[in-house]
């Protein structure tokens, strides 16, 4: 596993977390 791949995966996880936080309140 390369550092570049690790950084990309981290960005993806961060993006998913942000998206979830935005969607969660809307569903209520």
N, C-alpha and C. Protein backbone atom coordinates (compact mmCIF):
# COMPACT_ATOMS: atom_id res chain seq x y z
N UNK A 1 0.85 -1.20 0.00
CA UNK A 1 0.00 0.00 0.00
C UNK A 1 0.89 1.25 0.00
N UNK A 2 0.62 2.16 -0.91
CA UNK A 2 1.42 3.37 -1.01
C UNK A 2 0.80 4.50 -0.19
N UNK A 3 1.61 5.50 0.11
CA UNK A 3 1.11 6.63 0.89
C UNK A 3 0.05 7.39 0.10
N UNK A 4 0.23 7.47 -1.22
CA UNK A 4 -0.73 8.17 -2.06
C UNK A 4 -2.10 7.49 -1.97
N UNK A 5 -2.09 6.16 -2.00
CA UNK A 5 -3.35 5.41 -1.91
C UNK A 5 -3.99 5.63 -0.54
N UNK A 6 -3.16 5.64 0.50
CA UNK A 6 -3.67 5.84 1.85
C UNK A 6 -4.33 7.21 1.97
N UNK A 7 -3.68 8.22 1.38
CA UNK A 7 -4.22 9.58 1.43
C UNK A 7 -5.55 9.66 0.70
N UNK A 8 -5.64 8.98 -0.43
CA UNK A 8 -6.88 8.98 -1.21
C UNK A 8 -8.01 8.32 -0.42
N UNK A 9 -7.69 7.21 0.24
CA UNK A 9 -8.70 6.50 1.02
C UNK A 9 -9.17 7.37 2.18
N UNK A 10 -8.23 8.10 2.79
CA UNK A 10 -8.58 8.97 3.90
C UNK A 10 -9.52 10.07 3.44
N UNK A 11 -9.24 10.63 2.27
CA UNK A 11 -10.10 11.69 1.73
C UNK A 11 -11.49 11.15 1.46
N UNK A 12 -11.54 9.93 0.91
CA UNK A 12 -12.83 9.32 0.59
C UNK A 12 -13.65 9.12 1.87
N UNK A 13 -13.01 8.59 2.91
CA UNK A 13 -13.71 8.36 4.18
C UNK A 13 -14.20 9.68 4.76
N UNK A 14 -13.36 10.71 4.67
CA UNK A 14 -13.73 12.02 5.19
C UNK A 14 -14.95 12.55 4.42
N UNK A 15 -14.92 12.38 3.11
CA UNK A 15 -16.03 12.85 2.27
C UNK A 15 -17.32 12.14 2.64
N UNK A 16 -17.23 10.82 2.88
CA UNK A 16 -18.41 10.03 3.25
C UNK A 16 -18.95 10.50 4.60
N UNK A 17 -18.05 10.78 5.54
CA UNK A 17 -18.47 11.23 6.87
C UNK A 17 -19.20 12.57 6.76
N UNK A 18 -18.67 13.47 5.94
CA UNK A 18 -19.30 14.79 5.76
C UNK A 18 -20.66 14.63 5.10
N UNK A 19 -20.72 13.78 4.08
CA UNK A 19 -21.99 13.55 3.38
C UNK A 19 -23.03 12.97 4.34
N UNK A 20 -22.62 12.04 5.17
CA UNK A 20 -23.54 11.42 6.13
C UNK A 20 -24.07 12.47 7.09
N UNK A 21 -23.19 13.36 7.56
CA UNK A 21 -23.60 14.40 8.51
C UNK A 21 -24.60 15.35 7.85
N UNK A 22 -24.45 15.56 6.55
CA UNK A 22 -25.36 16.46 5.83
C UNK A 22 -26.71 15.78 5.58
N UNK A 23 -26.67 14.48 5.27
CA UNK A 23 -27.89 13.74 4.94
C UNK A 23 -28.70 13.39 6.20
N UNK A 24 -28.03 13.01 7.26
CA UNK A 24 -28.71 12.58 8.49
C UNK A 24 -29.76 13.59 8.97
N UNK A 25 -29.42 14.88 9.13
CA UNK A 25 -30.42 15.84 9.60
C UNK A 25 -31.57 16.03 8.60
N UNK A 26 -31.29 15.88 7.32
CA UNK A 26 -32.33 16.06 6.29
C UNK A 26 -33.37 14.94 6.36
N UNK A 27 -32.96 13.76 6.74
CA UNK A 27 -33.88 12.61 6.78
C UNK A 27 -34.90 12.78 7.90
N UNK A 28 -34.57 13.52 8.93
CA UNK A 28 -35.48 13.68 10.07
C UNK A 28 -36.72 14.45 9.67
